[in-house]
Amino acid sequence: MTERLPLWAEHLAVFDTETTGVETASARIVTSTIALVGPGGEVTERYDWLIDPGVEIPEPAVRVHGISTEVARASGVDPAVGVAQIIEQLAAMIERGFPIVAYNAPFDLSLLRAEAARHGVTWLEPLSPVLDPLILDKQFDRYRKGKRTLVAVAEHYGVELGTAAHDAGEDAIATGRVLQAIARKYAASLPGELPELHQAQIGWAAAQAASFQDYMRRARDPQFVADGGWPLRTNG
């Protein structure tokens, strides 16, 4: 294992959301964090949002992230304002040369795209480069058994999640540190430039989805379809 961190992984713009649900087309953002993580995993900048999603926050979602409808209504910003600010900050990070890092990127980014459309906010084009530790971990340690949740993968790479899992800030920062651990371990096998790495993940994500779809059709549901779109879902 090499200890040298590739140059492209020294400064990462990490991103996460906590939401009202799990369907990217209909769920709303409740909290979000964008932070800049430095070479040692330190946080050098951080931007947080609490948003009033404009709908009731279901109790199962409250149990995950701890934000109730009452708290969001009392203290959250208007969703159109919050979504616009998030997209503007992501665009600024890309403009400054930092890749966007998100764990299971198609969930958070597709949900953000749906929110942008819902509130008439201009979407971020092109959305690149993006780095996704979930795709990279599956690609380079594909035969490891066990879950691939952020909690499980962070533990595997020796990254502490902080005091509150399912907190957008804690999860975003841990995601960046996991990415750096993967970058160190597999530096010799990873493309050396961000555009090539972004493009490689598109192919890896599609292949991983196709493999999972094949397994599910053989084992459980002959009609199962896995969306292999990355960093945005193909459908929704």
C-alpha atoms as a PDB file:
ATOM      1  CA  MET A   1       0.000   0.000   0.000  1.00  0.00           C
ATOM      2  CA  THR A   2       1.398   3.368  -0.987  1.00  0.00           C
ATOM      3  CA  GLU A   3       1.172   6.244   1.495  1.00  0.00           C
ATOM      4  CA  ARG A   4       1.486   8.924  -1.158  1.00  0.00           C
ATOM      5  CA  LEU A   5      -1.705  10.844  -1.837  1.00  0.00           C
ATOM      6  CA  PRO A   6      -2.205  11.616  -5.534  1.00  0.00           C
ATOM      7  CA  LEU A   7      -2.162  15.330  -6.318  1.00  0.00           C
ATOM      8  CA  TRP A   8      -5.768  15.286  -7.521  1.00  0.00           C
ATOM      9  CA  ALA A   9      -6.944  13.989  -4.120  1.00  0.00           C
ATOM     10  CA  GLU A  10      -5.223  16.628  -1.990  1.00  0.00           C
ATOM     11  CA  HIS A  11      -8.154  19.066  -2.010  1.00  0.00           C
ATOM     12  CA  LEU A  12     -11.695  17.714  -2.309  1.00  0.00           C
ATOM     13  CA  ALA A  13     -15.068  19.463  -2.326  1.00  0.00           C
ATOM     14  CA  VAL A  14     -17.228  17.008  -0.392  1.00  0.00           C
ATOM     15  CA  PHE A  15     -21.026  17.044  -0.635  1.00  0.00           C
ATOM     16  CA  ASP A  16     -23.913  15.342   1.129  1.00  0.00           C
ATOM     17  CA  THR A  17     -27.619  15.809   1.760  1.00  0.00           C
ATOM     18  CA  GLU A  18     -30.201  14.607   4.242  1.00  0.00           C
ATOM     19  CA  THR A  19     -33.694  14.402   2.833  1.00  0.00           C
ATOM     20  CA  THR A  20     -37.381  13.681   3.290  1.00  0.00           C
ATOM     21  CA  GLY A  21     -37.135  10.286   1.565  1.00  0.00           C
ATOM     22  CA  VAL A  22     -35.242   8.002  -0.784  1.00  0.00           C
ATOM     23  CA  GLU A  23     -36.926   8.632  -4.152  1.00  0.00           C
ATOM     24  CA  THR A  24     -34.750  11.139  -5.965  1.00  0.00           C
ATOM     25  CA  ALA A  25     -37.568  12.442  -8.153  1.00  0.00           C
ATOM     26  CA  SER A  26     -39.839  13.340  -5.238  1.00  0.00           C
ATOM     27  CA  ALA A  27     -37.741  13.641  -2.055  1.00  0.00           C
ATOM     28  CA  ARG A  28     -36.759  17.085  -0.794  1.00  0.00           C
ATOM     29  CA  ILE A  29     -33.501  18.313   0.710  1.00  0.00           C
ATOM     30  CA  VAL A  30     -33.648  19.100   4.436  1.00  0.00           C
ATOM     31  CA  THR A  31     -29.950  19.639   5.208  1.00  0.00           C
ATOM     32  CA  SER A  32     -26.839  19.784   3.084  1.00  0.00           C
ATOM     33  CA  THR A  33     -23.125  20.369   3.521  1.00  0.00           C
ATOM     34  CA  ILE A  34     -20.350  21.257   1.126  1.00  0.00           C
ATOM     35  CA  ALA A  35     -16.867  21.310   2.643  1.00  0.00           C
ATOM     36  CA  LEU A  36     -13.313  21.530   1.391  1.00  0.00           C
ATOM     37  CA  VAL A  37     -11.061  18.780   2.725  1.00  0.00           C
ATOM     38  CA  GLY A  38      -7.288  19.203   2.645  1.00  0.00           C
ATOM     39  CA  PRO A  39      -4.443  16.690   2.223  1.00  0.00           C
ATOM     40  CA  GLY A  40      -4.599  15.464   5.817  1.00  0.00           C
ATOM     41  CA  GLY A  41      -8.368  15.146   5.815  1.00  0.00           C
ATOM     42  CA  GLU A  42      -8.677  18.496   7.578  1.00  0.00           C
ATOM     43  CA  VAL A  43     -11.653  20.755   6.861  1.00  0.00           C
ATOM     44  CA  THR A  44     -10.531  24.124   5.504  1.00  0.00           C
ATOM     45  CA  GLU A  45     -13.948  25.452   4.432  1.00  0.00           C
ATOM     46  CA  ARG A  46     -17.479  24.409   5.286  1.00  0.00           C
ATOM     47  CA  TYR A  47     -20.938  25.531   4.137  1.00  0.00           C
ATOM     48  CA  ASP A  48     -24.124  24.187   5.730  1.00  0.00           C
ATOM     49  CA  TRP A  49     -27.795  24.520   4.858  1.00  0.00           C
ATOM     50  CA  LEU A  50     -30.999  23.853   6.780  1.00  0.00           C
ATOM     51  CA  ILE A  51     -33.903  24.027   4.346  1.00  0.00           C
ATOM     52  CA  ASP A  52     -37.645  24.179   4.862  1.00  0.00           C
ATOM     53  CA  PRO A  53     -38.596  21.596   2.223  1.00  0.00           C
ATOM     54  CA  GLY A  54     -42.150  22.931   1.931  1.00  0.00           C
ATOM     55  CA  VAL A  55     -43.662  19.538   2.773  1.00  0.00           C
ATOM     56  CA  GLU A  56     -44.052  17.450   5.898  1.00  0.00           C
ATOM     57  CA  ILE A  57     -40.909  15.558   6.845  1.00  0.00           C
ATOM     58  CA  PRO A  58     -41.978  11.929   7.399  1.00  0.00           C
ATOM     59  CA  GLU A  59     -41.242  10.407  10.786  1.00  0.00           C
ATOM     60  CA  PRO A  60     -38.894   7.726   9.350  1.00  0.00           C
ATOM     61  CA  ALA A  61     -36.763  10.515   7.864  1.00  0.00           C
ATOM     62  CA  VAL A  62     -36.799  12.437  11.152  1.00  0.00           C
ATOM     63  CA  ARG A  63     -35.495   9.342  12.900  1.00  0.00           C
ATOM     64  CA  VAL A  64     -32.585   9.227  10.451  1.00  0.00           C
ATOM     65  CA  HIS A  65     -31.390  12.845  10.544  1.00  0.00           C
ATOM     66  CA  GLY A  66     -33.199  14.362  13.510  1.00  0.00           C
ATOM     67  CA  ILE A  67     -34.781  17.353  11.742  1.00  0.00           C
ATOM     68  CA  SER A  68     -38.523  17.674  12.288  1.00  0.00           C
ATOM     69  CA  THR A  69     -41.005  19.587  10.156  1.00  0.00           C
ATOM     70  CA  GLU A  70     -41.352  22.149  12.969  1.00  0.00           C
ATOM     71  CA  VAL A  71     -37.600  22.765  13.171  1.00  0.00           C
ATOM     72  CA  ALA A  72     -37.274  23.051   9.401  1.00  0.00           C
ATOM     73  CA  ARG A  73     -40.176  25.508   9.176  1.00  0.00           C
ATOM     74  CA  ALA A  74     -38.887  27.626  12.025  1.00  0.00           C
ATOM     75  CA  SER A  75     -35.220  27.794  11.042  1.00  0.00           C
ATOM     76  CA  GLY A  76     -34.853  26.597   7.449  1.00  0.00           C
ATOM     77  CA  VAL A  77     -34.340  28.769   4.397  1.00  0.00           C
ATOM     78  CA  ASP A  78     -36.726  28.793   1.450  1.00  0.00           C
ATOM     79  CA  PRO A  79     -36.022  25.728  -0.721  1.00  0.00           C
ATOM     80  CA  ALA A  80     -35.508  27.736  -3.915  1.00  0.00           C
ATOM     81  CA  VAL A  81     -32.923  29.898  -2.150  1.00  0.00           C
ATOM     82  CA  GLY A  82     -31.168  26.942  -0.523  1.00  0.00           C
ATOM     83  CA  VAL A  83     -31.043  24.848  -3.697  1.00  0.00           C
ATOM     84  CA  ALA A  84     -29.687  27.792  -5.699  1.00  0.00           C
ATOM     85  CA  GLN A  85     -26.987  28.411  -3.088  1.00  0.00           C
ATOM     86  CA  ILE A  86     -25.947  24.746  -3.055  1.00  0.00           C
ATOM     87  CA  ILE A  87     -25.627  24.628  -6.835  1.00  0.00           C
ATOM     88  CA  GLU A  88     -23.731  27.924  -6.878  1.00  0.00           C
ATOM     89  CA  GLN A  89     -21.281  26.611  -4.279  1.00  0.00           C
ATOM     90  CA  LEU A  90     -20.725  23.356  -6.184  1.00  0.00           C
ATOM     91  CA  ALA A  91     -20.095  25.378  -9.353  1.00  0.00           C
ATOM     92  CA  ALA A  92     -17.636  27.595  -7.482  1.00  0.00           C
ATOM     93  CA  MET A  93     -15.722  24.574  -6.198  1.00  0.00           C
ATOM     94  CA  ILE A  94     -15.439  23.130  -9.700  1.00  0.00           C
ATOM     95  CA  GLU A  95     -14.358  26.526 -11.038  1.00  0.00           C
ATOM     96  CA  ARG A  96     -11.606  26.609  -8.405  1.00  0.00           C
ATOM     97  CA  GLY A  97     -10.354  23.241  -9.656  1.00  0.00           C
ATOM     98  CA  PHE A  98     -11.695  20.972  -6.916  1.00  0.00           C
ATOM     99  CA  PRO A  99     -13.532  17.715  -7.715  1.00  0.00           C
ATOM    100  CA  ILE A 100     -16.956  17.125  -6.173  1.00  0.00           C
ATOM    101  CA  VAL A 101     -16.894  14.062  -3.914  1.00  0.00           C
ATOM    102  CA  ALA A 102     -20.163  12.337  -2.991  1.00  0.00           C
ATOM    103  CA  TYR A 103     -20.817   8.838  -1.686  1.00  0.00           C
ATOM    104  CA  ASN A 104     -23.275   7.139  -4.034  1.00  0.00           C
ATOM    105  CA  ALA A 105     -23.223  10.327  -6.087  1.00  0.00           C
ATOM    106  CA  PRO A 106     -26.262   9.509  -8.276  1.00  0.00           C
ATOM    107  CA  PHE A 107     -28.543   9.744  -5.238  1.00  0.00           C
ATOM    108  CA  ASP A 108     -27.535  13.192  -3.973  1.00  0.00           C
ATOM    109  CA  LEU A 109     -26.868  14.724  -7.382  1.00  0.00           C
ATOM    110  CA  SER A 110     -30.030  13.376  -9.035  1.00  0.00           C
ATOM    111  CA  LEU A 111     -32.091  14.585  -6.086  1.00  0.00           C
ATOM    112  CA  LEU A 112     -30.452  18.018  -6.320  1.00  0.00           C
ATOM    113  CA  ARG A 113     -31.180  18.129 -10.048  1.00  0.00           C
ATOM    114  CA  ALA A 114     -34.841  17.311  -9.378  1.00  0.00           C
ATOM    115  CA  GLU A 115     -34.981  20.052  -6.745  1.00  0.00           C
ATOM    116  CA  ALA A 116     -33.461  22.523  -9.218  1.00  0.00           C
ATOM    117  CA  ALA A 117     -36.142  21.686 -11.780  1.00  0.00           C
ATOM    118  CA  ARG A 118     -38.862  21.911  -9.120  1.00  0.00           C
ATOM    119  CA  HIS A 119     -37.825  25.409  -8.042  1.00  0.00           C
ATOM    120  CA  GLY A 120     -36.764  26.838 -11.399  1.00  0.00           C
ATOM    121  CA  VAL A 121     -33.063  26.927 -10.518  1.00  0.00           C
ATOM    122  CA  THR A 122     -30.483  26.653 -13.303  1.00  0.00           C
ATOM    123  CA  TRP A 123     -28.741  23.274 -13.199  1.00  0.00           C
ATOM    124  CA  LEU A 124     -24.976  22.820 -13.139  1.00  0.00           C
ATOM    125  CA  GLU A 125     -23.599  21.890 -16.565  1.00  0.00           C
ATOM    126  CA  PRO A 126     -21.222  20.267 -17.039  1.00  0.00           C
ATOM    127  CA  LEU A 127     -21.211  18.386 -13.749  1.00  0.00           C
ATOM    128  CA  SER A 128     -17.574  17.261 -13.738  1.00  0.00           C
ATOM    129  CA  PRO A 129     -15.303  16.129 -12.253  1.00  0.00           C
ATOM    130  CA  VAL A 130     -17.108  13.988  -9.690  1.00  0.00           C
ATOM    131  CA  LEU A 131     -15.517  11.305  -7.513  1.00  0.00           C
ATOM    132  CA  ASP A 132     -17.557   8.542  -5.871  1.00  0.00           C
ATOM    133  CA  PRO A 133     -15.879   6.373  -3.209  1.00  0.00           C
ATOM    134  CA  LEU A 134     -18.645   3.770  -3.531  1.00  0.00           C
ATOM    135  CA  ILE A 135     -17.874   3.156  -7.203  1.00  0.00           C
ATOM    136  CA  LEU A 136     -14.127   3.143  -6.575  1.00  0.00           C
ATOM    137  CA  ASP A 137     -14.368   0.752  -3.619  1.00  0.00           C
ATOM    138  CA  LYS A 138     -16.517  -1.673  -5.612  1.00  0.00           C
ATOM    139  CA  GLN A 139     -14.131  -1.481  -8.553  1.00  0.00           C
ATOM    140  CA  PHE A 140     -10.878  -2.106  -6.705  1.00  0.00           C
ATOM    141  CA  ASP A 141     -12.070  -4.377  -3.884  1.00  0.00           C
ATOM    142  CA  ARG A 142     -14.933  -6.065  -5.688  1.00  0.00           C
ATOM    143  CA  TYR A 143     -14.798  -9.426  -3.917  1.00  0.00           C
ATOM    144  CA  ARG A 144     -14.892  -8.105  -0.350  1.00  0.00           C
ATOM    145  CA  LYS A 145     -17.960  -9.399   1.440  1.00  0.00           C
ATOM    146  CA  GLY A 146     -20.230  -7.280   3.585  1.00  0.00           C
ATOM    147  CA  LYS A 147     -22.165  -4.058   3.277  1.00  0.00           C
ATOM    148  CA  ARG A 148     -21.005  -1.084   1.232  1.00  0.00           C
ATOM    149  CA  THR A 149     -22.742   1.618   3.246  1.00  0.00           C
ATOM    150  CA  LEU A 150     -20.699   4.681   4.138  1.00  0.00           C
ATOM    151  CA  VAL A 151     -20.525   3.474   7.744  1.00  0.00           C
ATOM    152  CA  ALA A 152     -19.197   0.052   6.710  1.00  0.00           C
ATOM    153  CA  VAL A 153     -16.745   1.358   4.110  1.00  0.00           C
ATOM    154  CA  ALA A 154     -15.453   4.078   6.442  1.00  0.00           C
ATOM    155  CA  GLU A 155     -14.785   1.429   9.075  1.00  0.00           C
ATOM    156  CA  HIS A 156     -13.001  -0.738   6.509  1.00  0.00           C
ATOM    157  CA  TYR A 157     -10.626   2.095   5.606  1.00  0.00           C
ATOM    158  CA  GLY A 158     -10.132   3.226   9.202  1.00  0.00           C
ATOM    159  CA  VAL A 159     -12.031   6.498   8.848  1.00  0.00           C
ATOM    160  CA  GLU A 160     -14.010   7.777  11.819  1.00  0.00           C
ATOM    161  CA  LEU A 161     -17.523   8.972  11.008  1.00  0.00           C
ATOM    162  CA  GLY A 162     -17.657  11.482  13.840  1.00  0.00           C
ATOM    163  CA  THR A 163     -20.329  11.701  16.484  1.00  0.00           C
ATOM    164  CA  ALA A 164     -23.391  11.676  14.255  1.00  0.00           C
ATOM    165  CA  ALA A 165     -23.889   9.341  11.315  1.00  0.00           C
ATOM    166  CA  HIS A 166     -26.589  10.604   8.948  1.00  0.00           C
ATOM    167  CA  ASP A 167     -25.532  14.165   9.613  1.00  0.00           C
ATOM    168  CA  ALA A 168     -24.814  15.799   6.243  1.00  0.00           C
ATOM    169  CA  GLY A 169     -21.638  17.442   7.502  1.00  0.00           C
ATOM    170  CA  GLU A 170     -20.194  14.404   9.231  1.00  0.00           C
ATOM    171  CA  ASP A 171     -21.043  12.159   6.270  1.00  0.00           C
ATOM    172  CA  ALA A 172     -19.613  14.555   3.687  1.00  0.00           C
ATOM    173  CA  ILE A 173     -16.319  14.927   5.546  1.00  0.00           C
ATOM    174  CA  ALA A 174     -16.012  11.182   6.145  1.00  0.00           C
ATOM    175  CA  THR A 175     -16.685  10.616   2.442  1.00  0.00           C
ATOM    176  CA  GLY A 176     -13.715  12.813   1.534  1.00  0.00           C
ATOM    177  CA  ARG A 177     -11.447  10.985   3.950  1.00  0.00           C
ATOM    178  CA  VAL A 178     -12.578   7.603   2.603  1.00  0.00           C
ATOM    179  CA  LEU A 179     -11.827   8.824  -0.923  1.00  0.00           C
ATOM    180  CA  GLN A 180      -8.334   9.838   0.159  1.00  0.00           C
ATOM    181  CA  ALA A 181      -7.765   6.428   1.775  1.00  0.00           C
ATOM    182  CA  ILE A 182      -8.821   4.716  -1.447  1.00  0.00           C
ATOM    183  CA  ALA A 183      -6.652   7.082  -3.492  1.00  0.00           C
ATOM    184  CA  ARG A 184      -3.607   6.219  -1.394  1.00  0.00           C
ATOM    185  CA  LYS A 185      -4.212   2.491  -1.511  1.00  0.00           C
ATOM    186  CA  TYR A 186      -4.916   2.234  -5.228  1.00  0.00           C
ATOM    187  CA  ALA A 187      -2.894   5.174  -6.563  1.00  0.00           C
ATOM    188  CA  ALA A 188      -0.969   2.969  -8.974  1.00  0.00           C
ATOM    189  CA  SER A 189      -4.196   1.652 -10.545  1.00  0.00           C
ATOM    190  CA  LEU A 190      -6.152   4.900 -10.780  1.00  0.00           C
ATOM    191  CA  PRO A 191      -6.035   7.311 -13.717  1.00  0.00           C
ATOM    192  CA  GLY A 192      -3.689  10.159 -12.952  1.00  0.00           C
ATOM    193  CA  GLU A 193      -5.927  12.994 -14.128  1.00  0.00           C
ATOM    194  CA  LEU A 194      -9.408  13.963 -12.966  1.00  0.00           C
ATOM    195  CA  PRO A 195     -11.126  14.010 -16.404  1.00  0.00           C
ATOM    196  CA  GLU A 196      -9.957  10.458 -17.099  1.00  0.00           C
ATOM    197  CA  LEU A 197     -10.989   9.288 -13.627  1.00  0.00           C
ATOM    198  CA  HIS A 198     -14.429  10.861 -14.008  1.00  0.00           C
ATOM    199  CA  GLN A 199     -14.891   9.129 -17.349  1.00  0.00           C
ATOM    200  CA  ALA A 200     -13.654   5.790 -15.998  1.00  0.00           C
ATOM    201  CA  GLN A 201     -16.258   5.874 -13.226  1.00  0.00           C
ATOM    202  CA  ILE A 202     -19.028   6.183 -15.809  1.00  0.00           C
ATOM    203  CA  GLY A 203     -17.981   2.855 -17.286  1.00  0.00           C
ATOM    204  CA  TRP A 204     -17.350   1.201 -13.933  1.00  0.00           C
ATOM    205  CA  ALA A 205     -20.755   2.271 -12.604  1.00  0.00           C
ATOM    206  CA  ALA A 206     -22.511   0.900 -15.685  1.00  0.00           C
ATOM    207  CA  ALA A 207     -20.688  -2.430 -15.402  1.00  0.00           C
ATOM    208  CA  GLN A 208     -21.421  -2.702 -11.681  1.00  0.00           C
ATOM    209  CA  ALA A 209     -25.119  -2.009 -12.268  1.00  0.00           C
ATOM    210  CA  ALA A 210     -25.275  -4.568 -15.073  1.00  0.00           C
ATOM    211  CA  SER A 211     -23.678  -7.201 -12.845  1.00  0.00           C
ATOM    212  CA  PHE A 212     -26.093  -6.450 -10.002  1.00  0.00           C
ATOM    213  CA  GLN A 213     -29.046  -6.532 -12.384  1.00  0.00           C
ATOM    214  CA  ASP A 214     -27.965  -9.919 -13.690  1.00  0.00           C
ATOM    215  CA  TYR A 215     -27.682 -11.265 -10.150  1.00  0.00           C
ATOM    216  CA  MET A 216     -31.077  -9.917  -9.122  1.00  0.00           C
ATOM    217  CA  ARG A 217     -32.780 -11.324 -12.202  1.00  0.00           C
ATOM    218  CA  ARG A 218     -31.317 -14.756 -11.545  1.00  0.00           C
ATOM    219  CA  ALA A 219     -31.865 -14.776  -7.779  1.00  0.00           C
ATOM    220  CA  ARG A 220     -34.996 -12.751  -7.062  1.00  0.00           C
ATOM    221  CA  ASP A 221     -36.822 -10.799  -9.754  1.00  0.00           C
ATOM    222  CA  PRO A 222     -36.620 -11.576 -13.504  1.00  0.00           C
ATOM    223  CA  GLN A 223     -37.831  -8.039 -14.268  1.00  0.00           C
ATOM    224  CA  PHE A 224     -35.379  -6.173 -12.021  1.00  0.00           C
ATOM    225  CA  VAL A 225     -33.695  -3.132 -13.575  1.00  0.00           C
ATOM    226  CA  ALA A 226     -30.597  -1.465 -12.117  1.00  0.00           C
ATOM    227  CA  ASP A 227     -29.962   2.128 -13.187  1.00  0.00           C
ATOM    228  CA  GLY A 228     -26.304   2.392 -14.166  1.00  0.00           C
ATOM    229  CA  GLY A 229     -26.334   6.130 -14.804  1.00  0.00           C
ATOM    230  CA  TRP A 230     -23.488   8.018 -13.149  1.00  0.00           C
ATOM    231  CA  PRO A 231     -22.962  10.618 -11.710  1.00  0.00           C
ATOM    232  CA  LEU A 232     -26.647  11.221 -12.425  1.00  0.00           C
ATOM    233  CA  ARG A 233     -29.291   8.543 -12.656  1.00  0.00           C
ATOM    234  CA  THR A 234     -30.627   7.837 -16.123  1.00  0.00           C
ATOM    235  CA  ASN A 235     -34.206   7.789 -14.833  1.00  0.00           C
ATOM    236  CA  GLY A 236     -34.955  10.348 -12.163  1.00  0.00           C
END
